[in-house]
Amino acid sequence: MKTVHKSVLIWYSTAQMFDLVTDVVHYPQFLPWCDHARVLALTETGMSAEVGIAIGGVKQSFTTQNEHHIDEVTQARHVILTLVNGPFSNLDGRWDFIPVGDASQGACRTELRLNYGFDNPMLAKLVGPVFDKIAAS
């Protein structure tokens, strides 16, 4: 299993970054490796969504259940994702958007933690490097 952990300070608010990450249907407009994305179901606390990957001749899609959380006191926001189906043996992750400074600055720390793996060795050789490249970007 592979683990990715990224953390950046960014001059966008927690709300702006949360909205960007949860705007799944628009992923193909700004993620060059995403050939399709759609929301399968909405709930009060999140969604299930399908994302298609197309890069280097490899095409795959996967579905995740995404839980959305907003801390009304601190304005921190979180997205927790778990695999529903796809080419992975495991895929789970968490986005955290934590305010930095006062609200007028509109800055936040954005963190991504992602764990993924493949059961099928052939699939790991084919899709693994593609997903490694996507996860590292």
N, C-alpha and C. Protein backbone atom coordinates (compact mmCIF):
# COMPACT_ATOMS: atom_id res chain seq x y z
N MET A 1 0.85 -1.18 0.00
CA MET A 1 0.00 0.00 0.00
C MET A 1 0.89 1.24 0.00
N LYS A 2 0.46 2.26 -0.73
CA LYS A 2 1.19 3.53 -0.79
C LYS A 2 0.44 4.58 0.00
N THR A 3 1.21 5.53 0.52
CA THR A 3 0.65 6.64 1.28
C THR A 3 1.18 7.94 0.71
N VAL A 4 0.29 8.91 0.53
CA VAL A 4 0.65 10.25 0.09
C VAL A 4 0.21 11.21 1.19
N HIS A 5 1.09 12.13 1.55
CA HIS A 5 0.72 13.19 2.49
C HIS A 5 1.28 14.49 1.95
N LYS A 6 0.38 15.42 1.65
CA LYS A 6 0.77 16.74 1.15
C LYS A 6 0.15 17.80 2.02
N SER A 7 0.89 18.88 2.23
CA SER A 7 0.40 19.99 3.02
C SER A 7 0.93 21.28 2.40
N VAL A 8 0.02 22.23 2.12
CA VAL A 8 0.42 23.52 1.56
C VAL A 8 -0.35 24.63 2.25
N LEU A 9 0.29 25.79 2.35
CA LEU A 9 -0.39 27.01 2.78
C LEU A 9 -0.82 27.73 1.52
N ILE A 10 -2.07 28.16 1.49
CA ILE A 10 -2.61 28.73 0.26
C ILE A 10 -3.47 29.94 0.57
N TRP A 11 -3.46 30.91 -0.33
CA TRP A 11 -4.21 32.16 -0.13
C TRP A 11 -5.64 32.06 -0.63
N TYR A 12 -6.30 31.01 -0.21
CA TYR A 12 -7.73 30.84 -0.44
C TYR A 12 -8.34 30.41 0.89
N SER A 13 -9.60 30.73 1.08
CA SER A 13 -10.26 30.39 2.34
C SER A 13 -10.56 28.89 2.40
N THR A 14 -10.87 28.43 3.60
CA THR A 14 -11.27 27.03 3.76
C THR A 14 -12.51 26.74 2.92
N ALA A 15 -13.44 27.69 2.87
CA ALA A 15 -14.67 27.49 2.08
C ALA A 15 -14.35 27.37 0.60
N GLN A 16 -13.44 28.21 0.08
CA GLN A 16 -13.10 28.15 -1.33
C GLN A 16 -12.43 26.82 -1.69
N MET A 17 -11.52 26.36 -0.86
CA MET A 17 -10.82 25.11 -1.14
C MET A 17 -11.76 23.90 -1.00
N PHE A 18 -12.60 23.94 0.02
CA PHE A 18 -13.60 22.88 0.22
C PHE A 18 -14.52 22.81 -1.00
N ASP A 19 -14.99 23.97 -1.46
CA ASP A 19 -15.88 24.01 -2.63
C ASP A 19 -15.19 23.45 -3.88
N LEU A 20 -13.91 23.75 -4.04
CA LEU A 20 -13.16 23.25 -5.19
C LEU A 20 -13.07 21.72 -5.17
N VAL A 21 -12.72 21.17 -4.02
CA VAL A 21 -12.55 19.71 -3.90
C VAL A 21 -13.89 18.98 -4.01
N THR A 22 -14.96 19.58 -3.53
CA THR A 22 -16.26 18.90 -3.58
C THR A 22 -17.03 19.17 -4.87
N ASP A 23 -16.48 19.98 -5.76
CA ASP A 23 -17.13 20.27 -7.04
C ASP A 23 -16.70 19.23 -8.08
N VAL A 24 -17.02 18.00 -7.80
CA VAL A 24 -16.55 16.84 -8.56
C VAL A 24 -16.89 16.94 -10.05
N VAL A 25 -18.09 17.39 -10.39
CA VAL A 25 -18.51 17.39 -11.80
C VAL A 25 -17.62 18.29 -12.67
N HIS A 26 -16.93 19.23 -12.07
CA HIS A 26 -16.07 20.12 -12.85
C HIS A 26 -14.60 19.68 -12.89
N TYR A 27 -14.26 18.55 -12.29
CA TYR A 27 -12.89 18.05 -12.32
C TYR A 27 -12.30 17.99 -13.74
N PRO A 28 -13.04 17.51 -14.75
CA PRO A 28 -12.45 17.43 -16.09
C PRO A 28 -12.01 18.79 -16.65
N GLN A 29 -12.56 19.88 -16.11
CA GLN A 29 -12.20 21.21 -16.60
C GLN A 29 -10.84 21.67 -16.09
N PHE A 30 -10.37 21.13 -14.96
CA PHE A 30 -9.09 21.62 -14.43
C PHE A 30 -8.11 20.52 -14.02
N LEU A 31 -8.49 19.27 -14.16
CA LEU A 31 -7.57 18.16 -13.90
C LEU A 31 -7.32 17.44 -15.22
N PRO A 32 -6.15 17.64 -15.83
CA PRO A 32 -5.92 17.11 -17.18
C PRO A 32 -6.03 15.60 -17.30
N TRP A 33 -5.86 14.87 -16.24
CA TRP A 33 -5.94 13.40 -16.27
C TRP A 33 -7.36 12.88 -16.09
N CYS A 34 -8.32 13.76 -15.78
CA CYS A 34 -9.70 13.35 -15.50
C CYS A 34 -10.54 13.45 -16.77
N ASP A 35 -11.02 12.31 -17.27
CA ASP A 35 -11.81 12.36 -18.50
C ASP A 35 -13.31 12.42 -18.25
N HIS A 36 -13.75 12.07 -17.04
CA HIS A 36 -15.15 12.26 -16.68
C HIS A 36 -15.28 12.21 -15.16
N ALA A 37 -16.33 12.84 -14.67
CA ALA A 37 -16.63 12.83 -13.24
C ALA A 37 -18.11 13.10 -13.08
N ARG A 38 -18.71 12.37 -12.16
CA ARG A 38 -20.14 12.60 -11.92
C ARG A 38 -20.49 12.24 -10.49
N VAL A 39 -21.48 12.94 -10.00
CA VAL A 39 -22.02 12.66 -8.67
C VAL A 39 -23.10 11.61 -8.85
N LEU A 40 -22.99 10.51 -8.13
CA LEU A 40 -23.96 9.43 -8.24
C LEU A 40 -25.11 9.61 -7.26
N ALA A 41 -24.82 10.15 -6.09
CA ALA A 41 -25.85 10.38 -5.07
C ALA A 41 -25.37 11.46 -4.11
N LEU A 42 -26.31 12.30 -3.69
CA LEU A 42 -26.03 13.33 -2.69
C LEU A 42 -26.74 12.97 -1.39
N THR A 43 -26.08 13.26 -0.28
CA THR A 43 -26.71 13.11 1.03
C THR A 43 -26.53 14.42 1.78
N GLU A 44 -27.10 14.52 2.97
CA GLU A 44 -26.91 15.72 3.77
C GLU A 44 -25.46 15.91 4.17
N THR A 45 -24.71 14.84 4.27
CA THR A 45 -23.34 14.94 4.75
C THR A 45 -22.28 14.57 3.72
N GLY A 46 -22.66 14.46 2.46
CA GLY A 46 -21.66 14.13 1.46
C GLY A 46 -22.23 13.65 0.15
N MET A 47 -21.48 12.78 -0.51
CA MET A 47 -21.89 12.28 -1.83
C MET A 47 -21.14 11.01 -2.16
N SER A 48 -21.65 10.29 -3.14
CA SER A 48 -20.85 9.26 -3.79
C SER A 48 -20.59 9.78 -5.20
N ALA A 49 -19.38 9.55 -5.68
CA ALA A 49 -18.98 10.12 -6.96
C ALA A 49 -18.09 9.15 -7.72
N GLU A 50 -18.17 9.24 -9.04
CA GLU A 50 -17.33 8.44 -9.92
C GLU A 50 -16.37 9.38 -10.64
N VAL A 51 -15.11 8.99 -10.69
CA VAL A 51 -14.09 9.78 -11.38
C VAL A 51 -13.39 8.86 -12.38
N GLY A 52 -13.21 9.36 -13.59
CA GLY A 52 -12.51 8.61 -14.63
C GLY A 52 -11.12 9.15 -14.84
N ILE A 53 -10.16 8.25 -14.95
CA ILE A 53 -8.76 8.59 -15.20
C ILE A 53 -8.42 8.18 -16.62
N ALA A 54 -7.78 9.08 -17.36
CA ALA A 54 -7.29 8.75 -18.70
C ALA A 54 -5.94 9.44 -18.87
N ILE A 55 -4.89 8.63 -18.83
CA ILE A 55 -3.54 9.19 -18.96
C ILE A 55 -2.61 8.11 -19.51
N GLY A 56 -1.80 8.49 -20.46
CA GLY A 56 -0.83 7.55 -21.02
C GLY A 56 -1.44 6.29 -21.60
N GLY A 57 -2.62 6.38 -22.18
CA GLY A 57 -3.28 5.21 -22.76
C GLY A 57 -4.02 4.34 -21.75
N VAL A 58 -3.96 4.69 -20.48
CA VAL A 58 -4.65 3.92 -19.44
C VAL A 58 -5.94 4.63 -19.09
N LYS A 59 -7.04 3.89 -19.10
CA LYS A 59 -8.35 4.43 -18.71
C LYS A 59 -8.94 3.55 -17.62
N GLN A 60 -9.31 4.16 -16.52
CA GLN A 60 -9.94 3.46 -15.41
C GLN A 60 -10.91 4.43 -14.75
N SER A 61 -11.84 3.90 -14.02
CA SER A 61 -12.71 4.77 -13.21
C SER A 61 -12.88 4.13 -11.84
N PHE A 62 -13.20 4.97 -10.88
CA PHE A 62 -13.42 4.49 -9.52
C PHE A 62 -14.51 5.32 -8.88
N THR A 63 -15.16 4.73 -7.88
CA THR A 63 -16.24 5.39 -7.16
C THR A 63 -15.85 5.47 -5.69
N THR A 64 -16.09 6.65 -5.11
CA THR A 64 -15.83 6.84 -3.68
C THR A 64 -17.07 7.38 -2.99
N GLN A 65 -17.14 7.11 -1.70
CA GLN A 65 -18.14 7.73 -0.82
C GLN A 65 -17.39 8.84 -0.09
N ASN A 66 -17.90 10.06 -0.19
CA ASN A 66 -17.23 11.22 0.39
C ASN A 66 -18.10 11.83 1.48
N GLU A 67 -17.54 11.92 2.67
CA GLU A 67 -18.24 12.55 3.80
C GLU A 67 -17.68 13.94 4.01
N HIS A 68 -18.57 14.93 4.09
CA HIS A 68 -18.17 16.33 4.24
C HIS A 68 -18.46 16.81 5.66
N HIS A 69 -17.48 17.49 6.26
CA HIS A 69 -17.64 17.99 7.62
C HIS A 69 -17.19 19.45 7.68
N ILE A 70 -17.98 20.28 8.37
CA ILE A 70 -17.64 21.69 8.57
C ILE A 70 -17.74 21.99 10.06
N ASP A 71 -16.65 22.51 10.62
CA ASP A 71 -16.64 22.94 12.02
C ASP A 71 -17.09 24.40 12.04
N GLU A 72 -18.30 24.64 12.51
CA GLU A 72 -18.88 25.99 12.49
C GLU A 72 -18.11 26.97 13.38
N VAL A 73 -17.43 26.46 14.40
CA VAL A 73 -16.68 27.35 15.31
C VAL A 73 -15.36 27.78 14.68
N THR A 74 -14.57 26.82 14.21
CA THR A 74 -13.24 27.15 13.67
C THR A 74 -13.24 27.40 12.17
N GLN A 75 -14.30 27.01 11.48
CA GLN A 75 -14.41 27.06 10.02
C GLN A 75 -13.50 26.06 9.31
N ALA A 76 -12.91 25.14 10.06
CA ALA A 76 -12.15 24.06 9.43
C ALA A 76 -13.14 23.17 8.67
N ARG A 77 -12.68 22.61 7.58
CA ARG A 77 -13.53 21.75 6.76
C ARG A 77 -12.75 20.49 6.41
N HIS A 78 -13.47 19.39 6.24
CA HIS A 78 -12.83 18.10 5.99
C HIS A 78 -13.66 17.31 4.98
N VAL A 79 -12.98 16.55 4.17
CA VAL A 79 -13.62 15.60 3.27
C VAL A 79 -12.93 14.25 3.50
N ILE A 80 -13.72 13.25 3.85
CA ILE A 80 -13.19 11.90 4.08
C ILE A 80 -13.72 11.01 2.97
N LEU A 81 -12.81 10.35 2.26
CA LEU A 81 -13.24 9.52 1.14
C LEU A 81 -12.86 8.06 1.37
N THR A 82 -13.76 7.19 0.94
CA THR A 82 -13.53 5.74 1.01
C THR A 82 -13.95 5.11 -0.31
N LEU A 83 -13.25 4.08 -0.69
CA LEU A 83 -13.51 3.39 -1.95
C LEU A 83 -14.84 2.64 -1.90
N VAL A 84 -15.62 2.78 -2.97
CA VAL A 84 -16.81 1.96 -3.16
C VAL A 84 -16.49 0.87 -4.18
N ASN A 85 -15.94 1.26 -5.32
CA ASN A 85 -15.46 0.27 -6.29
C ASN A 85 -14.45 0.90 -7.24
N GLY A 86 -13.69 0.06 -7.90
CA GLY A 86 -12.66 0.52 -8.81
C GLY A 86 -11.49 -0.44 -8.82
N PRO A 87 -10.40 -0.05 -9.46
CA PRO A 87 -9.27 -0.97 -9.65
C PRO A 87 -8.38 -1.14 -8.42
N PHE A 88 -8.74 -0.54 -7.31
CA PHE A 88 -7.91 -0.56 -6.10
C PHE A 88 -8.33 -1.68 -5.15
N SER A 89 -7.38 -2.20 -4.39
CA SER A 89 -7.72 -3.07 -3.27
C SER A 89 -8.08 -2.20 -2.08
N ASN A 90 -7.50 -1.01 -2.05
CA ASN A 90 -7.75 -0.06 -0.97
C ASN A 90 -7.58 1.35 -1.51
N LEU A 91 -8.46 2.23 -1.13
CA LEU A 91 -8.33 3.66 -1.42
C LEU A 91 -9.11 4.38 -0.34
N ASP A 92 -8.40 5.14 0.46
CA ASP A 92 -9.06 5.99 1.44
C ASP A 92 -8.22 7.24 1.62
N GLY A 93 -8.88 8.30 2.00
CA GLY A 93 -8.15 9.55 2.14
C GLY A 93 -8.92 10.59 2.91
N ARG A 94 -8.23 11.69 3.13
CA ARG A 94 -8.82 12.78 3.88
C ARG A 94 -8.21 14.10 3.41
N TRP A 95 -9.08 15.05 3.11
CA TRP A 95 -8.70 16.43 2.86
C TRP A 95 -9.02 17.23 4.12
N ASP A 96 -8.09 18.06 4.54
CA ASP A 96 -8.31 18.97 5.67
C ASP A 96 -8.01 20.39 5.20
N PHE A 97 -8.92 21.30 5.52
CA PHE A 97 -8.75 22.71 5.20
C PHE A 97 -8.85 23.48 6.51
N ILE A 98 -7.72 23.99 6.98
CA ILE A 98 -7.64 24.60 8.30
C ILE A 98 -7.32 26.08 8.13
N PRO A 99 -8.14 26.97 8.72
CA PRO A 99 -7.89 28.40 8.58
C PRO A 99 -6.53 28.79 9.16
N VAL A 100 -5.90 29.76 8.51
CA VAL A 100 -4.63 30.32 8.98
C VAL A 100 -4.82 31.82 9.13
N GLY A 101 -4.43 32.37 10.28
CA GLY A 101 -4.59 33.80 10.51
C GLY A 101 -6.04 34.15 10.76
N ASP A 102 -6.37 35.43 10.62
CA ASP A 102 -7.76 35.83 10.82
C ASP A 102 -8.55 35.69 9.52
N ALA A 103 -9.85 35.73 9.64
CA ALA A 103 -10.73 35.46 8.49
C ALA A 103 -10.50 36.43 7.34
N SER A 104 -10.09 37.66 7.63
CA SER A 104 -9.90 38.65 6.57
C SER A 104 -8.75 38.28 5.64
N GLN A 105 -7.83 37.44 6.10
CA GLN A 105 -6.70 37.05 5.27
C GLN A 105 -7.07 36.01 4.21
N GLY A 106 -8.11 35.25 4.46
CA GLY A 106 -8.56 34.25 3.49
C GLY A 106 -7.51 33.21 3.15
N ALA A 107 -6.76 32.77 4.14
CA ALA A 107 -5.72 31.77 3.91
C ALA A 107 -6.05 30.48 4.67
N CYS A 108 -5.52 29.38 4.17
CA CYS A 108 -5.72 28.12 4.89
C CYS A 108 -4.57 27.16 4.60
N ARG A 109 -4.43 26.20 5.48
CA ARG A 109 -3.52 25.08 5.26
C ARG A 109 -4.38 23.96 4.67
N THR A 110 -3.96 23.47 3.53
CA THR A 110 -4.67 22.39 2.86
C THR A 110 -3.81 21.14 2.94
N GLU A 111 -4.40 20.08 3.47
CA GLU A 111 -3.68 18.82 3.62
C GLU A 111 -4.44 17.69 2.94
N LEU A 112 -3.69 16.81 2.31
CA LEU A 112 -4.26 15.60 1.72
C LEU A 112 -3.48 14.41 2.25
N ARG A 113 -4.21 13.44 2.76
CA ARG A 113 -3.64 12.15 3.15
C ARG A 113 -4.38 11.10 2.32
N LEU A 114 -3.63 10.28 1.61
CA LEU A 114 -4.24 9.31 0.72
C LEU A 114 -3.49 7.98 0.85
N ASN A 115 -4.24 6.90 1.02
CA ASN A 115 -3.68 5.55 1.07
C ASN A 115 -4.32 4.75 -0.06
N TYR A 116 -3.50 4.02 -0.82
CA TYR A 116 -4.07 3.22 -1.89
C TYR A 116 -3.17 2.03 -2.20
N GLY A 117 -3.80 1.01 -2.73
CA GLY A 117 -3.07 -0.19 -3.12
C GLY A 117 -3.86 -1.00 -4.12
N PHE A 118 -3.19 -1.95 -4.74
CA PHE A 118 -3.80 -2.83 -5.74
C PHE A 118 -3.54 -4.28 -5.35
N ASP A 119 -4.57 -5.13 -5.45
CA ASP A 119 -4.41 -6.56 -5.19
C ASP A 119 -3.79 -7.28 -6.39
N ASN A 120 -4.23 -6.90 -7.57
CA ASN A 120 -3.81 -7.56 -8.80
C ASN A 120 -2.43 -7.02 -9.22
N PRO A 121 -1.39 -7.87 -9.26
CA PRO A 121 -0.05 -7.40 -9.62
C PRO A 121 0.03 -6.80 -11.03
N MET A 122 -0.73 -7.37 -11.96
CA MET A 122 -0.73 -6.84 -13.33
C MET A 122 -1.34 -5.45 -13.36
N LEU A 123 -2.45 -5.28 -12.65
CA LEU A 123 -3.10 -3.98 -12.57
C LEU A 123 -2.20 -2.98 -11.85
N ALA A 124 -1.50 -3.44 -10.83
CA ALA A 124 -0.57 -2.56 -10.10
C ALA A 124 0.51 -2.04 -11.03
N LYS A 125 0.99 -2.89 -11.95
CA LYS A 125 2.03 -2.47 -12.90
C LYS A 125 1.48 -1.51 -13.94
N LEU A 126 0.23 -1.70 -14.33
CA LEU A 126 -0.38 -0.88 -15.37
C LEU A 126 -0.92 0.43 -14.82
N VAL A 127 -1.77 0.36 -13.79
CA VAL A 127 -2.45 1.54 -13.26
C VAL A 127 -1.64 2.22 -12.16
N GLY A 128 -0.84 1.45 -11.43
CA GLY A 128 -0.07 2.00 -10.31
C GLY A 128 0.76 3.22 -10.67
N PRO A 129 1.61 3.16 -11.71
CA PRO A 129 2.41 4.34 -12.06
C PRO A 129 1.57 5.55 -12.47
N VAL A 130 0.44 5.28 -13.11
CA VAL A 130 -0.46 6.38 -13.51
C VAL A 130 -1.03 7.05 -12.26
N PHE A 131 -1.53 6.24 -11.33
CA PHE A 131 -2.10 6.82 -10.12
C PHE A 131 -1.02 7.46 -9.25
N ASP A 132 0.19 6.89 -9.24
CA ASP A 132 1.31 7.51 -8.52
C ASP A 132 1.56 8.91 -9.05
N LYS A 133 1.54 9.06 -10.37
CA LYS A 133 1.78 10.37 -10.99
C LYS A 133 0.67 11.35 -10.61
N ILE A 134 -0.58 10.89 -10.65
CA ILE A 134 -1.71 11.74 -10.29
C ILE A 134 -1.63 12.14 -8.82
N ALA A 135 -1.35 11.19 -7.95
CA ALA A 135 -1.30 11.46 -6.51
C ALA A 135 -0.16 12.40 -6.16
N ALA A 136 0.92 12.37 -6.93
CA ALA A 136 2.07 13.23 -6.65
C ALA A 136 1.89 14.64 -7.19
N SER A 137 0.88 14.86 -8.02
CA SER A 137 0.71 16.19 -8.62
C SER A 137 -0.13 17.11 -7.77
